[in-house]
N, C-alpha and C. Protein backbone atom coordinates (compact mmCIF):
# COMPACT_ATOMS: atom_id res chain seq x y z
N MET A 1 -42.95 51.60 -98.97
CA MET A 1 -42.01 51.84 -98.07
C MET A 1 -41.91 52.60 -96.77
N PRO A 2 -41.69 52.93 -95.82
CA PRO A 2 -41.37 53.74 -94.14
C PRO A 2 -41.18 54.66 -94.85
N ARG A 3 -41.64 55.57 -94.25
CA ARG A 3 -41.41 57.15 -94.82
C ARG A 3 -40.14 57.46 -93.79
N HIS A 4 -40.19 56.95 -92.53
CA HIS A 4 -38.64 56.94 -92.02
C HIS A 4 -37.08 56.66 -92.49
N LEU A 5 -37.49 55.97 -93.76
CA LEU A 5 -36.34 55.04 -94.10
C LEU A 5 -35.80 56.08 -95.06
N GLU A 6 -34.31 56.42 -94.58
CA GLU A 6 -33.60 57.74 -95.74
C GLU A 6 -33.88 57.23 -97.47
N PRO A 7 -33.71 58.27 -98.29
CA PRO A 7 -33.80 57.62 -99.68
C PRO A 7 -32.78 56.48 -100.03
N GLN A 8 -31.71 56.55 -99.40
CA GLN A 8 -30.69 55.60 -99.96
C GLN A 8 -31.13 54.64 -99.43
N GLY A 9 -31.69 54.24 -98.37
CA GLY A 9 -32.28 52.59 -97.90
C GLY A 9 -32.87 52.06 -98.78
N ARG A 10 -34.25 52.90 -98.71
CA ARG A 10 -34.62 52.74 -99.96
C ARG A 10 -34.62 52.67 -101.26
N ASP A 11 -33.19 53.20 -101.98
CA ASP A 11 -33.06 53.09 -103.15
C ASP A 11 -32.67 51.76 -103.17
N LEU A 12 -31.40 51.25 -102.03
CA LEU A 12 -31.14 50.16 -102.34
C LEU A 12 -32.14 48.90 -102.38
N ILE A 13 -32.84 49.12 -101.16
CA ILE A 13 -33.95 47.93 -100.83
C ILE A 13 -34.87 47.82 -102.18
N LYS A 14 -35.14 48.46 -103.22
CA LYS A 14 -35.64 48.47 -103.94
C LYS A 14 -34.58 47.78 -105.65
N LYS A 15 -33.65 48.32 -105.31
CA LYS A 15 -32.56 47.24 -106.11
C LYS A 15 -32.61 46.21 -106.11
N LEU A 16 -32.55 45.86 -104.30
CA LEU A 16 -32.46 44.41 -103.94
C LEU A 16 -33.90 43.20 -104.43
N LEU A 17 -34.76 44.25 -104.69
CA LEU A 17 -35.94 43.56 -104.58
C LEU A 17 -36.40 43.62 -106.16
N THR A 18 -35.72 43.86 -107.18
CA THR A 18 -35.81 43.90 -108.43
C THR A 18 -36.17 42.67 -108.88
N LYS A 19 -37.21 42.52 -109.45
CA LYS A 19 -38.23 40.88 -110.29
C LYS A 19 -37.00 40.35 -110.94
N GLU A 20 -36.89 41.22 -111.89
CA GLU A 20 -35.74 40.59 -112.48
C GLU A 20 -34.59 40.39 -112.50
N ARG A 21 -33.94 38.81 -112.16
CA ARG A 21 -32.63 39.26 -112.30
C ARG A 21 -31.17 39.81 -112.31
N ALA A 22 -31.45 40.09 -113.76
CA ALA A 22 -30.78 40.65 -114.21
C ALA A 22 -30.74 41.56 -114.04
N GLY A 23 -31.90 43.02 -113.46
CA GLY A 23 -31.35 43.85 -113.20
C GLY A 23 -30.87 44.63 -111.61
N ARG A 24 -31.16 43.24 -111.41
CA ARG A 24 -31.27 43.76 -109.59
C ARG A 24 -29.61 43.37 -109.28
N ILE A 25 -29.10 44.68 -108.12
CA ILE A 25 -27.99 44.54 -107.67
C ILE A 25 -27.48 43.79 -107.07
N GLY A 26 -26.28 43.60 -107.56
CA GLY A 26 -25.85 42.58 -106.89
C GLY A 26 -25.59 41.25 -108.12
N SER A 27 -26.26 41.01 -108.92
CA SER A 27 -26.97 40.01 -109.08
C SER A 27 -25.35 40.26 -111.08
N SER A 28 -24.75 41.27 -111.22
CA SER A 28 -23.65 41.68 -112.26
C SER A 28 -22.77 40.99 -112.00
N LYS A 29 -21.79 41.23 -112.98
CA LYS A 29 -20.55 40.43 -112.78
C LYS A 29 -19.65 41.08 -111.89
N ASN A 30 -19.65 42.52 -111.07
CA ASN A 30 -19.30 42.60 -110.06
C ASN A 30 -19.65 42.31 -109.14
N GLY A 31 -21.18 41.51 -108.99
CA GLY A 31 -21.74 40.78 -107.85
C GLY A 31 -21.97 41.70 -106.43
N ALA A 32 -21.39 40.90 -105.44
CA ALA A 32 -21.21 42.15 -104.09
C ALA A 32 -20.55 43.30 -104.39
N GLU A 33 -20.09 43.65 -105.02
CA GLU A 33 -19.07 44.80 -104.91
C GLU A 33 -20.02 45.92 -105.15
N ASP A 34 -21.32 45.71 -105.89
CA ASP A 34 -22.24 46.78 -106.62
C ASP A 34 -22.86 47.25 -105.16
N ILE A 35 -23.58 45.87 -104.15
CA ILE A 35 -24.16 46.34 -103.36
C ILE A 35 -23.29 47.00 -102.34
N LYS A 36 -22.10 46.39 -101.94
CA LYS A 36 -21.21 47.26 -101.08
C LYS A 36 -20.46 48.95 -101.49
N LYS A 37 -20.77 49.11 -102.31
CA LYS A 37 -20.49 50.00 -103.20
C LYS A 37 -21.68 51.58 -103.20
N HIS A 38 -22.57 50.71 -102.59
CA HIS A 38 -24.15 51.44 -102.84
C HIS A 38 -24.42 52.45 -101.93
N LYS A 39 -24.68 53.82 -102.15
CA LYS A 39 -24.43 55.08 -101.53
C LYS A 39 -25.17 54.81 -100.16
N TRP A 40 -25.92 53.93 -99.56
CA TRP A 40 -26.53 53.69 -98.29
C TRP A 40 -25.17 53.01 -97.31
N TYR A 41 -24.09 52.85 -97.88
CA TYR A 41 -23.12 51.68 -97.30
C TYR A 41 -21.55 53.41 -97.82
N ARG A 42 -21.77 54.27 -97.69
CA ARG A 42 -20.99 55.25 -98.13
C ARG A 42 -20.11 55.74 -96.50
N GLY A 43 -18.63 55.11 -96.34
CA GLY A 43 -18.18 55.73 -95.06
C GLY A 43 -17.91 53.92 -94.79
N LEU A 44 -18.51 52.90 -95.34
CA LEU A 44 -18.18 52.05 -94.15
C LEU A 44 -16.82 51.33 -94.14
N ASN A 45 -16.26 50.74 -93.40
CA ASN A 45 -14.62 50.09 -93.90
C ASN A 45 -15.17 49.02 -93.84
N TRP A 46 -15.65 48.42 -95.05
CA TRP A 46 -15.33 46.87 -95.21
C TRP A 46 -14.47 46.10 -94.23
N ALA A 47 -13.43 46.48 -94.87
CA ALA A 47 -12.43 45.38 -94.26
C ALA A 47 -12.37 45.61 -92.73
N ALA A 48 -12.66 46.84 -91.57
CA ALA A 48 -12.56 46.65 -90.17
C ALA A 48 -13.78 45.95 -89.94
N LEU A 49 -15.07 45.58 -90.74
CA LEU A 49 -16.13 45.19 -90.44
C LEU A 49 -15.83 43.54 -90.96
N TYR A 50 -15.07 42.72 -91.77
CA TYR A 50 -14.75 41.70 -92.19
C TYR A 50 -13.90 41.40 -90.55
N ASN A 51 -12.69 41.92 -90.41
CA ASN A 51 -11.82 41.78 -89.24
C ASN A 51 -12.47 42.12 -87.85
N LYS A 52 -13.60 42.25 -87.70
CA LYS A 52 -14.44 42.67 -86.28
C LYS A 52 -13.94 44.08 -85.65
N GLN A 53 -13.21 44.59 -86.14
CA GLN A 53 -12.92 45.78 -85.29
C GLN A 53 -13.46 47.08 -85.33
N LEU A 54 -14.75 47.05 -85.84
CA LEU A 54 -15.77 47.90 -85.69
C LEU A 54 -16.86 47.53 -84.43
N ALA A 55 -16.94 49.00 -83.32
CA ALA A 55 -17.78 49.05 -82.84
C ALA A 55 -18.88 49.07 -83.02
N PRO A 56 -20.04 48.10 -82.03
CA PRO A 56 -21.12 48.29 -82.45
C PRO A 56 -21.80 49.45 -82.36
N PRO A 57 -22.97 50.22 -83.16
CA PRO A 57 -23.73 51.44 -83.23
C PRO A 57 -24.59 51.70 -81.54
N LEU A 58 -24.23 51.78 -80.54
CA LEU A 58 -24.87 52.04 -79.33
C LEU A 58 -25.06 53.21 -79.06
N GLU A 59 -25.24 53.95 -80.18
CA GLU A 59 -25.67 55.46 -79.82
C GLU A 59 -27.13 55.55 -79.37
N GLY A 60 -27.23 56.32 -78.15
CA GLY A 60 -28.17 55.98 -77.06
C GLY A 60 -28.76 55.33 -76.41
N THR A 61 -27.80 54.05 -76.15
CA THR A 61 -27.93 52.73 -75.79
C THR A 61 -27.90 52.89 -74.42
N THR A 62 -28.24 52.28 -73.32
CA THR A 62 -28.07 52.92 -72.00
C THR A 62 -27.94 51.60 -71.20
N TYR A 63 -28.35 50.68 -71.72
CA TYR A 63 -27.91 49.03 -71.10
C TYR A 63 -27.53 48.29 -72.16
N MET A 64 -26.37 47.33 -71.63
CA MET A 64 -25.58 46.43 -72.46
C MET A 64 -25.94 45.25 -72.11
N PRO A 65 -26.44 44.14 -72.20
CA PRO A 65 -26.79 43.09 -71.85
C PRO A 65 -25.32 42.23 -71.55
N SER A 66 -24.89 42.00 -70.67
CA SER A 66 -23.42 40.80 -70.40
C SER A 66 -23.89 39.18 -70.52
N ILE A 67 -23.29 38.55 -71.38
CA ILE A 67 -23.47 37.18 -71.37
C ILE A 67 -22.16 36.53 -71.26
N ASP A 68 -22.68 35.31 -70.66
CA ASP A 68 -21.05 34.23 -70.05
C ASP A 68 -20.88 33.34 -70.89
N ASN A 69 -21.24 32.98 -72.02
CA ASN A 69 -21.17 32.16 -73.36
C ASN A 69 -22.18 32.44 -74.21
N HIS A 70 -21.80 31.30 -75.56
CA HIS A 70 -22.73 31.32 -76.65
C HIS A 70 -24.13 30.75 -76.29
N PHE A 71 -24.20 30.26 -74.88
CA PHE A 71 -25.46 29.48 -75.10
C PHE A 71 -26.25 30.29 -74.11
N ASP A 72 -25.73 31.37 -73.65
CA ASP A 72 -26.25 32.39 -72.06
C ASP A 72 -28.09 33.08 -72.43
N VAL A 73 -28.51 32.25 -72.07
CA VAL A 73 -30.16 32.55 -72.53
C VAL A 73 -30.40 33.63 -71.17
N SER A 74 -29.56 34.46 -70.44
CA SER A 74 -30.50 35.03 -68.87
C SER A 74 -30.75 36.11 -69.26
N ASN A 75 -30.53 36.71 -70.28
CA ASN A 75 -31.25 37.81 -70.73
C ASN A 75 -32.69 38.03 -71.49
N PHE A 76 -33.02 36.87 -71.18
CA PHE A 76 -34.38 36.69 -72.28
C PHE A 76 -35.61 36.30 -71.04
N THR A 77 -36.89 36.47 -70.95
CA THR A 77 -37.62 36.81 -69.67
C THR A 77 -39.01 35.62 -70.32
N GLY A 78 -39.70 35.29 -69.45
CA GLY A 78 -40.61 34.26 -70.16
C GLY A 78 -40.71 33.27 -70.24
N THR A 79 -41.45 31.97 -69.74
CA THR A 79 -41.05 30.69 -69.82
C THR A 79 -42.01 30.13 -71.22
N TYR A 80 -41.60 29.27 -71.69
CA TYR A 80 -42.02 28.86 -73.06
C TYR A 80 -41.98 27.30 -72.99
N PRO A 81 -43.48 26.75 -73.24
CA PRO A 81 -44.40 25.30 -72.57
C PRO A 81 -43.14 24.31 -73.77
N VAL A 82 -42.90 23.53 -72.94
CA VAL A 82 -42.33 22.57 -73.89
C VAL A 82 -43.64 21.54 -73.92
N SER A 83 -43.76 21.41 -75.68
CA SER A 83 -44.80 20.46 -76.31
C SER A 83 -44.72 19.67 -76.95
N ALA A 84 -45.12 18.31 -76.69
CA ALA A 84 -44.65 17.53 -78.03
C ALA A 84 -45.60 18.14 -79.39
N GLU A 85 -46.59 18.67 -79.00
CA GLU A 85 -47.42 18.99 -80.00
C GLU A 85 -46.83 20.47 -80.66
N GLU A 86 -45.90 20.81 -80.41
CA GLU A 86 -45.33 22.09 -81.17
C GLU A 86 -44.10 21.59 -81.68
N ASN A 87 -43.36 21.07 -80.69
CA ASN A 87 -42.13 20.58 -80.85
C ASN A 87 -42.00 19.12 -81.66
N GLY A 88 -42.51 18.16 -82.23
CA GLY A 88 -42.88 17.13 -82.79
C GLY A 88 -42.46 15.96 -81.81
N PRO A 89 -42.54 14.91 -81.90
CA PRO A 89 -42.69 13.43 -80.71
C PRO A 89 -41.12 13.40 -80.08
N THR A 90 -41.17 13.22 -78.81
CA THR A 90 -39.65 13.02 -78.34
C THR A 90 -38.78 11.97 -78.87
N LEU A 91 -37.84 11.93 -79.34
CA LEU A 91 -36.92 11.19 -80.09
C LEU A 91 -36.21 10.07 -79.02
N ASP A 92 -36.58 8.22 -79.20
CA ASP A 92 -35.71 8.07 -78.72
C ASP A 92 -34.04 7.34 -78.70
N MET A 93 -32.97 7.94 -77.90
CA MET A 93 -32.13 7.78 -78.55
C MET A 93 -31.24 6.42 -79.22
N ASP A 94 -32.11 5.33 -78.10
CA ASP A 94 -31.36 4.30 -78.11
C ASP A 94 -31.96 3.77 -80.02
N LYS A 95 -33.63 4.16 -79.83
CA LYS A 95 -33.60 3.81 -81.53
C LYS A 95 -33.21 4.24 -82.34
N ASP A 96 -32.68 5.79 -82.09
CA ASP A 96 -32.12 6.12 -82.99
C ASP A 96 -30.55 6.47 -83.78
N VAL A 97 -30.24 5.35 -82.95
CA VAL A 97 -28.75 4.80 -83.19
C VAL A 97 -29.16 3.28 -83.46
N THR A 98 -29.97 3.02 -83.26
CA THR A 98 -30.01 1.47 -83.79
C THR A 98 -30.59 1.48 -85.21
N LEU A 99 -31.55 2.52 -85.35
CA LEU A 99 -31.51 2.63 -86.89
C LEU A 99 -31.28 3.90 -87.94
N PHE A 100 -30.05 4.22 -87.56
CA PHE A 100 -29.20 4.99 -88.01
C PHE A 100 -27.64 5.02 -87.36
N GLY A 101 -27.51 4.46 -86.70
CA GLY A 101 -26.00 4.27 -86.40
C GLY A 101 -25.08 4.17 -87.13
N ASN A 102 -25.27 3.10 -88.46
CA ASN A 102 -24.30 3.36 -89.19
C ASN A 102 -24.47 4.27 -90.79
N TRP A 103 -25.17 5.24 -90.07
CA TRP A 103 -25.71 6.23 -91.46
C TRP A 103 -23.84 6.60 -92.84
N ASP A 104 -23.04 6.74 -92.03
CA ASP A 104 -22.19 7.00 -92.35
C ASP A 104 -21.51 6.01 -93.47
N HIS A 105 -21.33 4.95 -92.69
CA HIS A 105 -21.45 3.48 -93.73
C HIS A 105 -21.64 3.46 -95.09
N LEU A 106 -23.37 3.65 -94.81
CA LEU A 106 -24.59 3.44 -95.59
C LEU A 106 -24.27 4.23 -96.77
N SER A 107 -24.34 5.52 -96.17
CA SER A 107 -23.90 6.89 -97.43
C SER A 107 -22.86 6.14 -97.95
N SER A 108 -21.20 5.83 -97.69
CA SER A 108 -20.45 5.50 -98.26
C SER A 108 -20.89 4.40 -99.47
N GLU A 109 -21.41 3.63 -98.81
CA GLU A 109 -21.93 2.17 -100.36
C GLU A 109 -22.78 2.64 -101.04
N GLY A 110 -23.63 3.51 -100.78
CA GLY A 110 -24.23 4.00 -101.41
C GLY A 110 -23.91 5.02 -102.65
N GLN A 111 -22.41 5.95 -102.40
CA GLN A 111 -22.10 6.27 -103.57
C GLN A 111 -21.59 5.66 -104.08
N LEU A 112 -20.96 4.52 -103.44
CA LEU A 112 -19.84 3.68 -104.75
C LEU A 112 -20.65 2.90 -105.50
N LYS A 113 -22.21 2.90 -104.89
CA LYS A 113 -23.01 1.98 -106.25
C LYS A 113 -23.51 2.82 -106.86
N ALA A 114 -23.51 4.16 -106.69
CA ALA A 114 -23.85 5.08 -107.52
C ALA A 114 -22.98 5.42 -108.61
N LYS A 115 -21.46 5.33 -108.28
CA LYS A 115 -20.73 5.20 -109.27
C LYS A 115 -20.37 4.46 -110.56
């Protein structure tokens, strides 16, 4: 365990990584509630977190990137090569439609035959 990690954080990680499922935190009848009640999360308002009402922890942050939409990658630098070897073969959309265009229909037939 990293030495800079607080004791409560270490305890939670150990309990999450317990090999035997029965002894692992979160696997009892209380489920995730046991994890949420762990000392590491003391003071966290789970309802506010769920409802997205908590401000992000930006202590000491001097720069906050802005984005235009969910697909905005302008804050990432560098170029990434596009290679068929890394990404797999380029797909031919017309061939794909020919081969799998009626997939929904075939899937429904398969489900009927299986019953």
